[in-house]
Amino acid sequence: EPTMLERYIRQYIEAQNGNEVIFSWQGGEPTMLGL
C-alpha cells in the first residue's frame, strides 16, 4: 500500500549509516507492479 511503501523507504534510509543505501526489490515478480 502507498503509505506502507513510503514508511518502508523512510525507515530503511533512517536506519542505515553508510554513504550508500541499497534497496533490493524482489517477489514474486516485481515488474507486475507496473512502472
Full PDB file with SEQRES, HELIX, SHEET, SSBOND, CRYST1, ORIGX, SCALE, CONECT and MASTER records, all heavy atoms in Angstrom:
SEQRES   1 A   35  GLU PRO THR MET LEU GLU ARG TYR ILE ARG GLN TYR ILE          
SEQRES   2 A   35  GLU ALA GLN ASN GLY ASN GLU VAL ILE PHE SER TRP GLN          
SEQRES   3 A   35  GLY GLY GLU PRO THR MET LEU GLY LEU                          
HELIX    1 AA1 PRO A    2  ALA A   15  1                                  14    
HELIX    2 AA2 PRO A   30  LEU A   33  5                                   4    
CRYST1    1.000    1.000    1.000  90.00  90.00  90.00 P 1           1          
ORIGX1      1.000000  0.000000  0.000000        0.00000                         
ORIGX2      0.000000  1.000000  0.000000        0.00000                         
ORIGX3      0.000000  0.000000  1.000000        0.00000                         
SCALE1      1.000000  0.000000  0.000000        0.00000                         
SCALE2      0.000000  1.000000  0.000000        0.00000                         
SCALE3      0.000000  0.000000  1.000000        0.00000                         
ATOM      1  N   GLU A   1       0.843  -1.196   0.000  1.00  0.00           N  
ATOM      2  CA  GLU A   1       0.000   0.000   0.000  1.00  0.00           C  
ATOM      3  C   GLU A   1       0.882   1.251   0.000  1.00  0.00           C  
ATOM      4  O   GLU A   1       1.984   1.235   0.556  1.00  0.00           O  
ATOM      5  CB  GLU A   1      -0.893  -0.068   1.248  1.00  0.00           C  
ATOM      6  CG  GLU A   1      -2.048   0.867   1.264  1.00  0.00           C  
ATOM      7  CD  GLU A   1      -1.711   2.198   1.918  1.00  0.00           C  
ATOM      8  OE1 GLU A   1      -0.650   2.289   2.578  1.00  0.00           O  
ATOM      9  OE2 GLU A   1      -2.506   3.129   1.746  1.00  0.00           O  
ATOM     10  N   PRO A   2       0.466   2.347  -0.655  1.00  0.00           N  
ATOM     11  CA  PRO A   2       1.335   3.523  -0.794  1.00  0.00           C  
ATOM     12  C   PRO A   2       1.909   4.040   0.524  1.00  0.00           C  
ATOM     13  O   PRO A   2       3.094   4.397   0.585  1.00  0.00           O  
ATOM     14  CB  PRO A   2       0.417   4.558  -1.449  1.00  0.00           C  
ATOM     15  CG  PRO A   2      -0.569   3.749  -2.217  1.00  0.00           C  
ATOM     16  CD  PRO A   2      -0.813   2.517  -1.391  1.00  0.00           C  
ATOM     17  N   THR A   3       1.082   4.099   1.567  1.00  0.00           N  
ATOM     18  CA  THR A   3       1.591   4.579   2.848  1.00  0.00           C  
ATOM     19  C   THR A   3       2.641   3.633   3.403  1.00  0.00           C  
ATOM     20  O   THR A   3       3.650   4.072   3.994  1.00  0.00           O  
ATOM     21  CB  THR A   3       0.436   4.733   3.853  1.00  0.00           C  
ATOM     22  OG1 THR A   3      -0.557   5.582   3.305  1.00  0.00           O  
ATOM     23  CG2 THR A   3       0.946   5.311   5.164  1.00  0.00           C  
ATOM     24  N   MET A   4       2.438   2.341   3.224  1.00  0.00           N  
ATOM     25  CA  MET A   4       3.411   1.355   3.687  1.00  0.00           C  
ATOM     26  C   MET A   4       4.712   1.466   2.907  1.00  0.00           C  
ATOM     27  O   MET A   4       5.811   1.355   3.479  1.00  0.00           O  
ATOM     28  CB  MET A   4       2.840  -0.060   3.552  1.00  0.00           C  
ATOM     29  CG  MET A   4       3.744  -1.155   4.100  1.00  0.00           C  
ATOM     30  SD  MET A   4       3.990  -1.024   5.884  1.00  0.00           S  
ATOM     31  CE  MET A   4       2.414  -1.687   6.459  1.00  0.00           C  
ATOM     32  N   LEU A   5       4.609   1.691   1.609  1.00  0.00           N  
ATOM     33  CA  LEU A   5       5.807   1.847   0.785  1.00  0.00           C  
ATOM     34  C   LEU A   5       6.630   3.036   1.255  1.00  0.00           C  
ATOM     35  O   LEU A   5       7.849   2.934   1.430  1.00  0.00           O  
ATOM     36  CB  LEU A   5       5.412   2.021  -0.680  1.00  0.00           C  
ATOM     37  CG  LEU A   5       6.565   2.241  -1.656  1.00  0.00           C  
ATOM     38  CD1 LEU A   5       7.475   1.016  -1.718  1.00  0.00           C  
ATOM     39  CD2 LEU A   5       6.017   2.579  -3.043  1.00  0.00           C  
ATOM     40  N   GLU A   6       5.972   4.156   1.499  1.00  0.00           N  
ATOM     41  CA  GLU A   6       6.685   5.343   1.967  1.00  0.00           C  
ATOM     42  C   GLU A   6       7.288   5.094   3.348  1.00  0.00           C  
ATOM     43  O   GLU A   6       8.420   5.505   3.628  1.00  0.00           O  
ATOM     44  CB  GLU A   6       5.751   6.548   2.006  1.00  0.00           C  
ATOM     45  CG  GLU A   6       6.440   7.824   2.452  1.00  0.00           C  
ATOM     46  CD  GLU A   6       5.596   9.063   2.224  1.00  0.00           C  
ATOM     47  OE1 GLU A   6       4.502   8.956   1.640  1.00  0.00           O  
ATOM     48  OE2 GLU A   6       6.031  10.159   2.637  1.00  0.00           O  
ATOM     49  N   ARG A   7       6.546   4.426   4.212  1.00  0.00           N  
ATOM     50  CA  ARG A   7       7.045   4.128   5.554  1.00  0.00           C  
ATOM     51  C   ARG A   7       8.302   3.266   5.480  1.00  0.00           C  
ATOM     52  O   ARG A   7       9.277   3.510   6.186  1.00  0.00           O  
ATOM     53  CB  ARG A   7       5.956   3.405   6.353  1.00  0.00           C  
ATOM     54  CG  ARG A   7       6.366   3.028   7.774  1.00  0.00           C  
ATOM     55  CD  ARG A   7       5.247   2.270   8.467  1.00  0.00           C  
ATOM     56  NE  ARG A   7       4.093   3.114   8.732  1.00  0.00           N  
ATOM     57  CZ  ARG A   7       2.859   2.863   8.301  1.00  0.00           C  
ATOM     58  NH1 ARG A   7       2.622   1.764   7.599  1.00  0.00           N  
ATOM     59  NH2 ARG A   7       1.872   3.675   8.583  1.00  0.00           N  
ATOM     60  N   TYR A   8       8.263   2.252   4.624  1.00  0.00           N  
ATOM     61  CA  TYR A   8       9.427   1.375   4.488  1.00  0.00           C  
ATOM     62  C   TYR A   8      10.640   2.137   3.985  1.00  0.00           C  
ATOM     63  O   TYR A   8      11.740   2.023   4.555  1.00  0.00           O  
ATOM     64  CB  TYR A   8       9.110   0.216   3.539  1.00  0.00           C  
ATOM     65  CG  TYR A   8      10.345  -0.526   3.100  1.00  0.00           C  
ATOM     66  CD1 TYR A   8      11.177  -1.145   4.037  1.00  0.00           C  
ATOM     67  CD2 TYR A   8      10.712  -0.578   1.756  1.00  0.00           C  
ATOM     68  CE1 TYR A   8      12.332  -1.809   3.644  1.00  0.00           C  
ATOM     69  CE2 TYR A   8      11.864  -1.229   1.362  1.00  0.00           C  
ATOM     70  CZ  TYR A   8      12.674  -1.842   2.306  1.00  0.00           C  
ATOM     71  OH  TYR A   8      13.822  -2.482   1.921  1.00  0.00           O  
ATOM     72  N   ILE A   9      10.480   2.904   2.935  1.00  0.00           N  
ATOM     73  CA  ILE A   9      11.617   3.630   2.364  1.00  0.00           C  
ATOM     74  C   ILE A   9      12.202   4.602   3.385  1.00  0.00           C  
ATOM     75  O   ILE A   9      13.425   4.680   3.570  1.00  0.00           O  
ATOM     76  CB  ILE A   9      11.198   4.363   1.073  1.00  0.00           C  
ATOM     77  CG1 ILE A   9      10.890   3.333  -0.028  1.00  0.00           C  
ATOM     78  CG2 ILE A   9      12.281   5.336   0.611  1.00  0.00           C  
ATOM     79  CD1 ILE A   9      10.278   3.931  -1.287  1.00  0.00           C  
ATOM     80  N   ARG A  10      11.330   5.315   4.081  1.00  0.00           N  
ATOM     81  CA  ARG A  10      11.808   6.275   5.090  1.00  0.00           C  
ATOM     82  C   ARG A  10      12.557   5.561   6.201  1.00  0.00           C  
ATOM     83  O   ARG A  10      13.675   5.956   6.570  1.00  0.00           O  
ATOM     84  CB  ARG A  10      10.629   7.056   5.676  1.00  0.00           C  
ATOM     85  CG  ARG A  10      11.024   7.982   6.841  1.00  0.00           C  
ATOM     86  CD  ARG A  10       9.825   8.723   7.399  1.00  0.00           C  
ATOM     87  NE  ARG A  10       8.783   7.834   7.886  1.00  0.00           N  
ATOM     88  CZ  ARG A  10       8.790   7.230   9.067  1.00  0.00           C  
ATOM     89  NH1 ARG A  10       9.832   7.381   9.891  1.00  0.00           N  
ATOM     90  NH2 ARG A  10       7.791   6.460   9.438  1.00  0.00           N  
ATOM     91  N   GLN A  11      11.983   4.491   6.746  1.00  0.00           N  
ATOM     92  CA  GLN A  11      12.621   3.781   7.849  1.00  0.00           C  
ATOM     93  C   GLN A  11      13.941   3.137   7.421  1.00  0.00           C  
ATOM     94  O   GLN A  11      14.925   3.160   8.173  1.00  0.00           O  
ATOM     95  CB  GLN A  11      11.679   2.702   8.397  1.00  0.00           C  
ATOM     96  CG  GLN A  11      10.487   3.244   9.171  1.00  0.00           C  
ATOM     97  CD  GLN A  11       9.718   2.135   9.874  1.00  0.00           C  
ATOM     98  OE1 GLN A  11      10.206   1.020  10.047  1.00  0.00           O  
ATOM     99  NE2 GLN A  11       8.490   2.436  10.285  1.00  0.00           N  
ATOM    100  N   TYR A  12      13.965   2.588   6.229  1.00  0.00           N  
ATOM    101  CA  TYR A  12      15.177   1.915   5.770  1.00  0.00           C  
ATOM    102  C   TYR A  12      16.326   2.906   5.626  1.00  0.00           C  
ATOM    103  O   TYR A  12      17.463   2.619   6.020  1.00  0.00           O  
ATOM    104  CB  TYR A  12      14.890   1.222   4.439  1.00  0.00           C  
ATOM    105  CG  TYR A  12      15.966   0.264   3.987  1.00  0.00           C  
ATOM    106  CD1 TYR A  12      16.337  -0.825   4.762  1.00  0.00           C  
ATOM    107  CD2 TYR A  12      16.593   0.442   2.755  1.00  0.00           C  
ATOM    108  CE1 TYR A  12      17.305  -1.713   4.331  1.00  0.00           C  
ATOM    109  CE2 TYR A  12      17.572  -0.441   2.316  1.00  0.00           C  
ATOM    110  CZ  TYR A  12      17.923  -1.518   3.105  1.00  0.00           C  
ATOM    111  OH  TYR A  12      18.899  -2.401   2.686  1.00  0.00           O  
ATOM    112  N   ILE A  13      16.033   4.084   5.103  1.00  0.00           N  
ATOM    113  CA  ILE A  13      17.065   5.116   4.992  1.00  0.00           C  
ATOM    114  C   ILE A  13      17.498   5.588   6.375  1.00  0.00           C  
ATOM    115  O   ILE A  13      18.694   5.738   6.654  1.00  0.00           O  
ATOM    116  CB  ILE A  13      16.550   6.298   4.149  1.00  0.00           C  
ATOM    117  CG1 ILE A  13      16.361   5.866   2.687  1.00  0.00           C  
ATOM    118  CG2 ILE A  13      17.510   7.486   4.230  1.00  0.00           C  
ATOM    119  CD1 ILE A  13      15.695   6.909   1.819  1.00  0.00           C  
ATOM    120  N   GLU A  14      16.542   5.788   7.268  1.00  0.00           N  
ATOM    121  CA  GLU A  14      16.850   6.264   8.619  1.00  0.00           C  
ATOM    122  C   GLU A  14      17.745   5.310   9.386  1.00  0.00           C  
ATOM    123  O   GLU A  14      18.559   5.741  10.216  1.00  0.00           O  
ATOM    124  CB  GLU A  14      15.555   6.468   9.413  1.00  0.00           C  
ATOM    125  CG  GLU A  14      14.721   7.662   8.981  1.00  0.00           C  
ATOM    126  CD  GLU A  14      13.400   7.746   9.733  1.00  0.00           C  
ATOM    127  OE1 GLU A  14      13.005   6.718  10.348  1.00  0.00           O  
ATOM    128  OE2 GLU A  14      12.762   8.812   9.700  1.00  0.00           O  
ATOM    129  N   ALA A  15      17.604   4.018   9.135  1.00  0.00           N  
ATOM    130  CA  ALA A  15      18.320   3.015   9.928  1.00  0.00           C  
ATOM    131  C   ALA A  15      19.740   2.766   9.449  1.00  0.00           C  
ATOM    132  O   ALA A  15      20.516   2.111  10.142  1.00  0.00           O  
ATOM    133  CB  ALA A  15      17.544   1.707   9.919  1.00  0.00           C  
ATOM    134  N   GLN A  16      20.091   3.262   8.269  1.00  0.00           N  
ATOM    135  CA  GLN A  16      21.393   2.974   7.678  1.00  0.00           C  
ATOM    136  C   GLN A  16      22.397   4.077   8.014  1.00  0.00           C  
ATOM    137  O   GLN A  16      22.038   5.249   8.090  1.00  0.00           O  
ATOM    138  CB  GLN A  16      21.269   2.877   6.157  1.00  0.00           C  
ATOM    139  CG  GLN A  16      20.267   1.857   5.666  1.00  0.00           C  
ATOM    140  CD  GLN A  16      20.803   0.443   5.685  1.00  0.00           C  
ATOM    141  OE1 GLN A  16      22.000   0.215   5.726  1.00  0.00           O  
ATOM    142  NE2 GLN A  16      19.894  -0.528   5.639  1.00  0.00           N  
ATOM    143  N   ASN A  17      23.657   3.705   8.181  1.00  0.00           N  
ATOM    144  CA  ASN A  17      24.682   4.712   8.454  1.00  0.00           C  
ATOM    145  C   ASN A  17      25.772   4.763   7.386  1.00  0.00           C  
ATOM    146  O   ASN A  17      26.770   5.465   7.540  1.00  0.00           O  
ATOM    147  CB  ASN A  17      25.319   4.493   9.831  1.00  0.00           C  
ATOM    148  CG  ASN A  17      26.083   3.186   9.919  1.00  0.00           C  
ATOM    149  OD1 ASN A  17      26.146   2.413   8.967  1.00  0.00           O  
ATOM    150  ND2 ASN A  17      26.672   2.923  11.081  1.00  0.00           N  
ATOM    151  N   GLY A  18      25.620   4.034   6.303  1.00  0.00           N  
ATOM    152  CA  GLY A  18      26.602   4.068   5.227  1.00  0.00           C  
ATOM    153  C   GLY A  18      26.331   5.215   4.267  1.00  0.00           C  
ATOM    154  O   GLY A  18      25.245   5.819   4.271  1.00  0.00           O  
ATOM    155  N   ASN A  19      27.294   5.506   3.435  1.00  0.00           N  
ATOM    156  CA  ASN A  19      27.128   6.564   2.437  1.00  0.00           C  
ATOM    157  C   ASN A  19      26.167   6.157   1.324  1.00  0.00           C  
ATOM    158  O   ASN A  19      25.569   7.012   0.669  1.00  0.00           O  
ATOM    159  CB  ASN A  19      28.486   6.940   1.828  1.00  0.00           C  
ATOM    160  CG  ASN A  19      29.407   7.613   2.820  1.00  0.00           C  
ATOM    161  OD1 ASN A  19      28.941   8.320   3.715  1.00  0.00           O  
ATOM    162  ND2 ASN A  19      30.708   7.389   2.684  1.00  0.00           N  
ATOM    163  N   GLU A  20      26.037   4.844   1.121  1.00  0.00           N  
ATOM    164  CA  GLU A  20      25.137   4.335   0.088  1.00  0.00           C  
ATOM    165  C   GLU A  20      24.059   3.474   0.730  1.00  0.00           C  
ATOM    166  O   GLU A  20      24.350   2.618   1.562  1.00  0.00           O  
ATOM    167  CB  GLU A  20      25.915   3.516  -0.943  1.00  0.00           C  
ATOM    168  CG  GLU A  20      25.072   3.008  -2.089  1.00  0.00           C  
ATOM    169  CD  GLU A  20      25.882   2.239  -3.114  1.00  0.00           C  
ATOM    170  OE1 GLU A  20      26.488   1.210  -2.733  1.00  0.00           O  
ATOM    171  OE2 GLU A  20      25.918   2.657  -4.273  1.00  0.00           O  
ATOM    172  N   VAL A  21      22.820   3.690   0.340  1.00  0.00           N  
ATOM    173  CA  VAL A  21      21.692   2.890   0.825  1.00  0.00           C  
ATOM    174  C   VAL A  21      21.194   2.057  -0.353  1.00  0.00           C  
ATOM    175  O   VAL A  21      20.768   2.602  -1.373  1.00  0.00           O  
ATOM    176  CB  VAL A  21      20.556   3.780   1.364  1.00  0.00           C  
ATOM    177  CG1 VAL A  21      19.422   2.911   1.909  1.00  0.00           C  
ATOM    178  CG2 VAL A  21      21.077   4.725   2.440  1.00  0.00           C  
ATOM    179  N   ILE A  22      21.254   0.734  -0.204  1.00  0.00           N  
ATOM    180  CA  ILE A  22      20.905  -0.159  -1.306  1.00  0.00           C  
ATOM    181  C   ILE A  22      19.533  -0.775  -1.067  1.00  0.00           C  
ATOM    182  O   ILE A  22      19.318  -1.467  -0.073  1.00  0.00           O  
ATOM    183  CB  ILE A  22      21.957  -1.265  -1.463  1.00  0.00           C  
ATOM    184  CG1 ILE A  22      23.337  -0.650  -1.735  1.00  0.00           C  
ATOM    185  CG2 ILE A  22      21.570  -2.224  -2.599  1.00  0.00           C  
ATOM    186  CD1 ILE A  22      24.460  -1.651  -1.774  1.00  0.00           C  
ATOM    187  N   PHE A  23      18.625  -0.518  -1.991  1.00  0.00           N  
ATOM    188  CA  PHE A  23      17.291  -1.108  -1.953  1.00  0.00           C  
ATOM    189  C   PHE A  23      17.229  -2.276  -2.927  1.00  0.00           C  
ATOM    190  O   PHE A  23      17.673  -2.160  -4.076  1.00  0.00           O  
ATOM    191  CB  PHE A  23      16.235  -0.078  -2.355  1.00  0.00           C  
ATOM    192  CG  PHE A  23      15.895   0.927  -1.291  1.00  0.00           C  
ATOM    193  CD1 PHE A  23      16.666   2.081  -1.156  1.00  0.00           C  
ATOM    194  CD2 PHE A  23      14.819   0.737  -0.447  1.00  0.00           C  
ATOM    195  CE1 PHE A  23      16.363   3.021  -0.186  1.00  0.00           C  
ATOM    196  CE2 PHE A  23      14.509   1.672   0.524  1.00  0.00           C  
ATOM    197  CZ  PHE A  23      15.278   2.817   0.664  1.00  0.00           C  
ATOM    198  N   SER A  24      16.679  -3.400  -2.476  1.00  0.00           N  
ATOM    199  CA  SER A  24      16.511  -4.579  -3.325  1.00  0.00           C  
ATOM    200  C   SER A  24      15.038  -4.911  -3.436  1.00  0.00           C  
ATOM    201  O   SER A  24      14.344  -5.017  -2.419  1.00  0.00           O  
ATOM    202  CB  SER A  24      17.280  -5.767  -2.745  1.00  0.00           C  
ATOM    203  OG  SER A  24      18.669  -5.514  -2.731  1.00  0.00           O  
ATOM    204  N   TRP A  25      14.571  -5.090  -4.661  1.00  0.00           N  
ATOM    205  CA  TRP A  25      13.153  -5.344  -4.931  1.00  0.00           C  
ATOM    206  C   TRP A  25      13.019  -6.699  -5.594  1.00  0.00           C  
ATOM    207  O   TRP A  25      13.659  -6.991  -6.592  1.00  0.00           O  
ATOM    208  CB  TRP A  25      12.588  -4.241  -5.827  1.00  0.00           C  
ATOM    209  CG  TRP A  25      12.856  -2.868  -5.281  1.00  0.00           C  
ATOM    210  CD1 TRP A  25      13.866  -2.011  -5.654  1.00  0.00           C  
ATOM    211  CD2 TRP A  25      12.121  -2.198  -4.252  1.00  0.00           C  
ATOM    212  NE1 TRP A  25      13.795  -0.850  -4.918  1.00  0.00           N  
ATOM    213  CE2 TRP A  25      12.742  -0.930  -4.046  1.00  0.00           C  
ATOM    214  CE3 TRP A  25      11.007  -2.536  -3.481  1.00  0.00           C  
ATOM    215  CZ2 TRP A  25      12.274  -0.020  -3.105  1.00  0.00           C  
ATOM    216  CZ3 TRP A  25      10.539  -1.631  -2.545  1.00  0.00           C  
ATOM    217  CH2 TRP A  25      11.171  -0.386  -2.363  1.00  0.00           C  
ATOM    218  N   GLN A  26      12.167  -7.539  -4.994  1.00  0.00           N  
ATOM    219  CA  GLN A  26      12.016  -8.908  -5.467  1.00  0.00           C  
ATOM    220  C   GLN A  26      10.567  -9.309  -5.331  1.00  0.00           C  
ATOM    221  O   GLN A  26       9.700  -8.501  -5.030  1.00  0.00           O  
ATOM    222  CB  GLN A  26      12.953  -9.840  -4.685  1.00  0.00           C  
ATOM    223  CG  GLN A  26      13.233 -11.160  -5.391  1.00  0.00           C  
ATOM    224  CD  GLN A  26      14.134 -12.066  -4.581  1.00  0.00           C  
ATOM    225  OE1 GLN A  26      13.815 -12.411  -3.455  1.00  0.00           O  
ATOM    226  NE2 GLN A  26      15.254 -12.470  -5.154  1.00  0.00           N  
ATOM    227  N   GLY A  27      10.265 -10.565  -5.527  1.00  0.00           N  
ATOM    228  CA  GLY A  27       8.907 -11.069  -5.398  1.00  0.00           C  
ATOM    229  C   GLY A  27       8.950 -12.551  -5.097  1.00  0.00           C  
ATOM    230  O   GLY A  27       9.875 -13.014  -4.438  1.00  0.00           O  
ATOM    231  N   GLY A  28       8.017 -13.281  -5.697  1.00  0.00           N  
ATOM    232  CA  GLY A  28       7.168 -12.949  -6.836  1.00  0.00           C  
ATOM    233  C   GLY A  28       7.917 -12.299  -7.979  1.00  0.00           C  
ATOM    234  O   GLY A  28       9.115 -12.411  -8.115  1.00  0.00           O  
ATOM    235  N   GLU A  29       7.134 -11.644  -8.819  1.00  0.00           N  
ATOM    236  CA  GLU A  29       7.697 -10.927  -9.959  1.00  0.00           C  
ATOM    237  C   GLU A  29       7.386  -9.444  -9.823  1.00  0.00           C  
ATOM    238  O   GLU A  29       6.262  -9.005 -10.067  1.00  0.00           O  
ATOM    239  CB  GLU A  29       7.138 -11.471 -11.274  1.00  0.00           C  
ATOM    240  CG  GLU A  29       7.587 -10.714 -12.514  1.00  0.00           C  
ATOM    241  CD  GLU A  29       9.098 -10.470 -12.545  1.00  0.00           C  
ATOM    242  OE1 GLU A  29       9.873 -11.422 -12.255  1.00  0.00           O  
ATOM    243  OE2 GLU A  29       9.499  -9.334 -12.855  1.00  0.00           O  
ATOM    244  N   PRO A  30       8.371  -8.635  -9.417  1.00  0.00           N  
ATOM    245  CA  PRO A  30       8.106  -7.231  -9.106  1.00  0.00           C  
ATOM    246  C   PRO A  30       7.686  -6.383 -10.293  1.00  0.00           C  
ATOM    247  O   PRO A  30       7.007  -5.364 -10.107  1.00  0.00           O  
ATOM    248  CB  PRO A  30       9.431  -6.741  -8.514  1.00  0.00           C  
ATOM    249  CG  PRO A  30      10.456  -7.698  -9.017  1.00  0.00           C  
ATOM    250  CD  PRO A  30       9.758  -9.011  -9.129  1.00  0.00           C  
ATOM    251  N   THR A  31       8.042  -6.784 -11.529  1.00  0.00           N  
ATOM    252  CA  THR A  31       7.635  -5.958 -12.662  1.00  0.00           C  
ATOM    253  C   THR A  31       6.130  -5.993 -12.887  1.00  0.00           C  
ATOM    254  O   THR A  31       5.580  -5.131 -13.582  1.00  0.00           O  
ATOM    255  CB  THR A  31       8.354  -6.396 -13.955  1.00  0.00           C  
ATOM    256  OG1 THR A  31       8.069  -7.769 -14.224  1.00  0.00           O  
ATOM    257  CG2 THR A  31       9.860  -6.193 -13.823  1.00  0.00           C  
ATOM    258  N   MET A  32       5.420  -6.948 -12.275  1.00  0.00           N  
ATOM    259  CA  MET A  32       3.965  -6.974 -12.365  1.00  0.00           C  
ATOM    260  C   MET A  32       3.331  -5.778 -11.660  1.00  0.00           C  
ATOM    261  O   MET A  32       2.163  -5.463 -11.878  1.00  0.00           O  
ATOM    262  CB  MET A  32       3.418  -8.277 -11.774  1.00  0.00           C  
ATOM    263  CG  MET A  32       3.731  -9.508 -12.597  1.00  0.00           C  
ATOM    264  SD  MET A  32       2.995 -11.006 -11.901  1.00  0.00           S  
ATOM    265  CE  MET A  32       1.251 -10.717 -12.244  1.00  0.00           C  
ATOM    266  N   LEU A  33       4.101  -5.096 -10.808  1.00  0.00           N  
ATOM    267  CA  LEU A  33       3.597  -3.903 -10.132  1.00  0.00           C  
ATOM    268  C   LEU A  33       3.416  -2.740 -11.086  1.00  0.00           C  
ATOM    269  O   LEU A  33       2.670  -1.796 -10.790  1.00  0.00           O  
ATOM    270  CB  LEU A  33       4.563  -3.499  -9.010  1.00  0.00           C  
ATOM    271  CG  LEU A  33       4.612  -4.425  -7.803  1.00  0.00           C  
ATOM    272  CD1 LEU A  33       5.896  -4.207  -7.024  1.00  0.00           C  
ATOM    273  CD2 LEU A  33       3.405  -4.202  -6.915  1.00  0.00           C  
ATOM    274  N   GLY A  34       4.095  -2.763 -12.212  1.00  0.00           N  
ATOM    275  CA  GLY A  34       3.982  -1.692 -13.193  1.00  0.00           C  
ATOM    276  C   GLY A  34       4.982  -0.579 -12.967  1.00  0.00           C  
ATOM    277  O   GLY A  34       5.502  -0.380 -11.863  1.00  0.00           O  
ATOM    278  N   LEU A  35       5.238   0.187 -14.015  1.00  0.00           N  
ATOM    279  CA  LEU A  35       6.236   1.245 -13.954  1.00  0.00           C  
ATOM    280  C   LEU A  35       5.873   2.363 -12.993  1.00  0.00           C  
ATOM    281  O   LEU A  35       6.745   2.944 -12.339  1.00  0.00           O  
ATOM    282  CB  LEU A  35       6.458   1.822 -15.356  1.00  0.00           C  
ATOM    283  CG  LEU A  35       7.623   1.232 -16.147  1.00  0.00           C  
ATOM    284  CD1 LEU A  35       7.656   1.804 -17.552  1.00  0.00           C  
ATOM    285  CD2 LEU A  35       8.937   1.487 -15.443  1.00  0.00           C  
TER     286      LEU A  35                                                      
MASTER        0    0    0    2    0    0    0    6  285    1    0    3          
END                                                                             
